[in-house]
């Protein structure tokens, strides 16, 4: 889980959960979920290859740190 600031609040986003429906009813605004997913997807595009299993969590968390704030 990663804490994402948004409009003065902080929301927990699971860096391994790319399905927006998983956040329905959770209180996490859709804009936060969409931005988080977009940041992670962009990180994979920039990487230019399929990451190793051991790299995935680190890539996801770094993408959230850099792309959602």
N, C-alpha and C. Protein backbone atom coordinates (compact mmCIF):
# COMPACT_ATOMS: atom_id res chain seq x y z
N UNK A 1 0.85 -1.18 0.00
CA UNK A 1 0.00 0.00 0.00
C UNK A 1 0.89 1.24 0.00
N UNK A 2 0.42 2.26 -0.68
CA UNK A 2 1.18 3.49 -0.79
C UNK A 2 0.25 4.66 -0.53
N UNK A 3 0.68 5.59 0.29
CA UNK A 3 -0.14 6.75 0.64
C UNK A 3 0.00 7.81 -0.44
N UNK A 4 -1.12 8.22 -1.00
CA UNK A 4 -1.14 9.21 -2.08
C UNK A 4 -1.88 10.46 -1.61
N UNK A 5 -1.21 11.62 -1.62
CA UNK A 5 -1.90 12.85 -1.25
C UNK A 5 -2.78 13.35 -2.40
N UNK A 6 -3.93 13.90 -2.05
CA UNK A 6 -4.83 14.44 -3.06
C UNK A 6 -5.79 15.41 -2.39
N UNK A 7 -5.75 16.66 -2.85
CA UNK A 7 -6.65 17.71 -2.35
C UNK A 7 -6.71 17.76 -0.83
N UNK A 8 -5.55 17.73 -0.19
CA UNK A 8 -5.48 17.88 1.26
C UNK A 8 -5.73 16.62 2.06
N UNK A 9 -6.04 15.53 1.40
CA UNK A 9 -6.26 14.25 2.07
C UNK A 9 -5.21 13.25 1.60
N UNK A 10 -5.12 12.13 2.28
CA UNK A 10 -4.21 11.06 1.89
C UNK A 10 -5.01 9.78 1.73
N UNK A 11 -4.74 9.07 0.63
CA UNK A 11 -5.47 7.84 0.32
C UNK A 11 -4.48 6.70 0.11
N UNK A 12 -4.86 5.51 0.54
CA UNK A 12 -4.01 4.34 0.35
C UNK A 12 -4.35 3.67 -0.98
N UNK A 13 -3.29 3.50 -1.78
CA UNK A 13 -3.42 2.84 -3.07
C UNK A 13 -2.52 1.62 -3.05
N UNK A 14 -3.04 0.50 -3.49
CA UNK A 14 -2.24 -0.72 -3.59
C UNK A 14 -1.51 -0.67 -4.92
N UNK A 15 -0.19 -0.65 -4.88
CA UNK A 15 0.59 -0.54 -6.11
C UNK A 15 0.41 -1.76 -7.01
N UNK A 16 -0.16 -2.82 -6.50
CA UNK A 16 -0.35 -4.03 -7.29
C UNK A 16 -1.78 -4.18 -7.80
N UNK A 17 -2.64 -3.19 -7.56
CA UNK A 17 -4.04 -3.29 -7.95
C UNK A 17 -4.34 -2.30 -9.07
N UNK A 18 -4.45 -2.81 -10.29
CA UNK A 18 -4.70 -1.95 -11.43
C UNK A 18 -6.15 -1.93 -11.89
N UNK A 19 -7.05 -2.46 -11.09
CA UNK A 19 -8.45 -2.51 -11.47
C UNK A 19 -9.23 -1.44 -10.70
N UNK A 20 -9.67 -0.39 -11.39
CA UNK A 20 -10.40 0.69 -10.70
C UNK A 20 -11.62 0.21 -9.92
N UNK A 21 -12.25 -0.86 -10.37
CA UNK A 21 -13.45 -1.36 -9.70
C UNK A 21 -13.14 -1.83 -8.28
N UNK A 22 -11.90 -2.19 -8.01
CA UNK A 22 -11.51 -2.64 -6.68
C UNK A 22 -11.63 -1.52 -5.64
N UNK A 23 -11.67 -0.29 -6.10
CA UNK A 23 -11.76 0.85 -5.19
C UNK A 23 -13.17 1.41 -5.06
N UNK A 24 -14.12 0.84 -5.80
CA UNK A 24 -15.51 1.30 -5.70
C UNK A 24 -15.99 1.15 -4.26
N UNK A 25 -16.55 2.21 -3.72
CA UNK A 25 -17.07 2.19 -2.37
C UNK A 25 -16.01 2.32 -1.28
N UNK A 26 -14.75 2.53 -1.67
CA UNK A 26 -13.67 2.59 -0.68
C UNK A 26 -13.44 4.00 -0.13
N UNK A 27 -14.04 4.99 -0.80
CA UNK A 27 -13.80 6.37 -0.39
C UNK A 27 -12.63 7.02 -1.09
N UNK A 28 -11.90 6.24 -1.90
CA UNK A 28 -10.79 6.80 -2.68
C UNK A 28 -11.39 7.41 -3.94
N UNK A 29 -11.17 8.72 -4.16
CA UNK A 29 -11.73 9.36 -5.36
C UNK A 29 -11.23 8.69 -6.64
N UNK A 30 -12.09 8.62 -7.62
CA UNK A 30 -11.73 7.99 -8.90
C UNK A 30 -10.53 8.69 -9.54
N UNK A 31 -10.40 10.00 -9.35
CA UNK A 31 -9.26 10.73 -9.93
C UNK A 31 -7.94 10.21 -9.36
N UNK A 32 -7.92 9.87 -8.09
CA UNK A 32 -6.71 9.33 -7.46
C UNK A 32 -6.38 7.97 -8.07
N UNK A 33 -7.38 7.12 -8.21
CA UNK A 33 -7.18 5.79 -8.78
C UNK A 33 -6.70 5.90 -10.23
N UNK A 34 -7.36 6.75 -11.01
CA UNK A 34 -6.99 6.91 -12.42
C UNK A 34 -5.56 7.43 -12.57
N UNK A 35 -5.19 8.41 -11.75
CA UNK A 35 -3.83 8.95 -11.82
C UNK A 35 -2.81 7.91 -11.40
N UNK A 36 -3.12 7.12 -10.40
CA UNK A 36 -2.20 6.08 -9.94
C UNK A 36 -1.98 5.03 -11.03
N UNK A 37 -3.05 4.58 -11.63
CA UNK A 37 -2.94 3.57 -12.69
C UNK A 37 -2.17 4.14 -13.88
N UNK A 38 -2.45 5.37 -14.24
CA UNK A 38 -1.75 6.01 -15.35
C UNK A 38 -0.25 6.14 -15.07
N UNK A 39 0.10 6.48 -13.85
CA UNK A 39 1.51 6.62 -13.48
C UNK A 39 2.24 5.29 -13.59
N UNK A 40 1.60 4.22 -13.14
CA UNK A 40 2.22 2.89 -13.21
C UNK A 40 2.34 2.43 -14.66
N UNK A 41 1.28 2.64 -15.45
CA UNK A 41 1.33 2.24 -16.85
C UNK A 41 2.43 3.00 -17.59
N UNK A 42 2.58 4.28 -17.31
CA UNK A 42 3.63 5.08 -17.95
C UNK A 42 5.02 4.58 -17.58
N UNK A 43 5.18 4.13 -16.34
CA UNK A 43 6.48 3.61 -15.90
C UNK A 43 6.86 2.38 -16.71
N UNK A 44 5.90 1.52 -17.00
CA UNK A 44 6.19 0.33 -17.79
C UNK A 44 6.52 0.69 -19.24
N UNK A 45 5.85 1.69 -19.78
CA UNK A 45 6.15 2.14 -21.14
C UNK A 45 7.57 2.69 -21.19
N UNK A 46 7.94 3.51 -20.20
CA UNK A 46 9.30 4.07 -20.17
C UNK A 46 10.35 2.98 -20.00
N UNK A 47 10.02 1.93 -19.27
CA UNK A 47 10.95 0.84 -19.06
C UNK A 47 11.27 0.14 -20.38
N UNK A 48 10.27 0.01 -21.23
CA UNK A 48 10.48 -0.52 -22.57
C UNK A 48 10.67 -2.04 -22.64
N UNK A 49 10.37 -2.72 -21.57
CA UNK A 49 10.48 -4.17 -21.56
C UNK A 49 9.58 -4.71 -20.46
N UNK A 50 9.36 -5.98 -20.47
CA UNK A 50 8.58 -6.61 -19.41
C UNK A 50 9.48 -6.72 -18.18
N UNK A 51 9.04 -6.18 -17.06
CA UNK A 51 9.89 -6.24 -15.86
C UNK A 51 9.96 -7.66 -15.28
N UNK A 52 11.05 -7.91 -14.63
CA UNK A 52 11.19 -9.17 -13.90
C UNK A 52 10.23 -9.12 -12.70
N UNK A 53 9.79 -10.28 -12.25
CA UNK A 53 8.89 -10.33 -11.09
C UNK A 53 9.47 -9.59 -9.89
N UNK A 54 10.76 -9.70 -9.72
CA UNK A 54 11.40 -9.05 -8.56
C UNK A 54 11.43 -7.53 -8.67
N UNK A 55 11.17 -6.99 -9.84
CA UNK A 55 11.20 -5.54 -10.07
C UNK A 55 9.84 -4.87 -9.96
N UNK A 56 8.78 -5.62 -10.07
CA UNK A 56 7.45 -5.05 -10.24
C UNK A 56 7.04 -4.13 -9.09
N UNK A 57 7.14 -4.58 -7.85
CA UNK A 57 6.69 -3.74 -6.73
C UNK A 57 7.49 -2.44 -6.67
N UNK A 58 8.80 -2.52 -6.86
CA UNK A 58 9.64 -1.33 -6.82
C UNK A 58 9.26 -0.35 -7.93
N UNK A 59 9.06 -0.85 -9.13
CA UNK A 59 8.66 0.01 -10.26
C UNK A 59 7.32 0.67 -9.97
N UNK A 60 6.37 -0.11 -9.49
CA UNK A 60 5.04 0.43 -9.18
C UNK A 60 5.11 1.51 -8.11
N UNK A 61 5.82 1.24 -7.03
CA UNK A 61 5.90 2.21 -5.94
C UNK A 61 6.63 3.48 -6.36
N UNK A 62 7.70 3.35 -7.13
CA UNK A 62 8.40 4.53 -7.63
C UNK A 62 7.51 5.35 -8.56
N UNK A 63 6.73 4.67 -9.39
CA UNK A 63 5.81 5.37 -10.29
C UNK A 63 4.77 6.15 -9.50
N UNK A 64 4.27 5.56 -8.42
CA UNK A 64 3.30 6.26 -7.59
C UNK A 64 3.93 7.46 -6.90
N UNK A 65 5.14 7.31 -6.43
CA UNK A 65 5.83 8.44 -5.77
C UNK A 65 6.02 9.59 -6.73
N UNK A 66 6.40 9.29 -7.96
CA UNK A 66 6.74 10.32 -8.94
C UNK A 66 5.52 10.86 -9.69
N UNK A 67 4.57 9.99 -10.00
CA UNK A 67 3.52 10.38 -10.92
C UNK A 67 2.20 10.82 -10.36
N UNK A 68 1.96 10.60 -9.10
CA UNK A 68 0.63 10.89 -8.57
C UNK A 68 0.61 12.18 -7.78
N UNK A 69 1.70 12.61 -7.29
CA UNK A 69 1.74 13.80 -6.42
C UNK A 69 1.41 15.06 -7.16
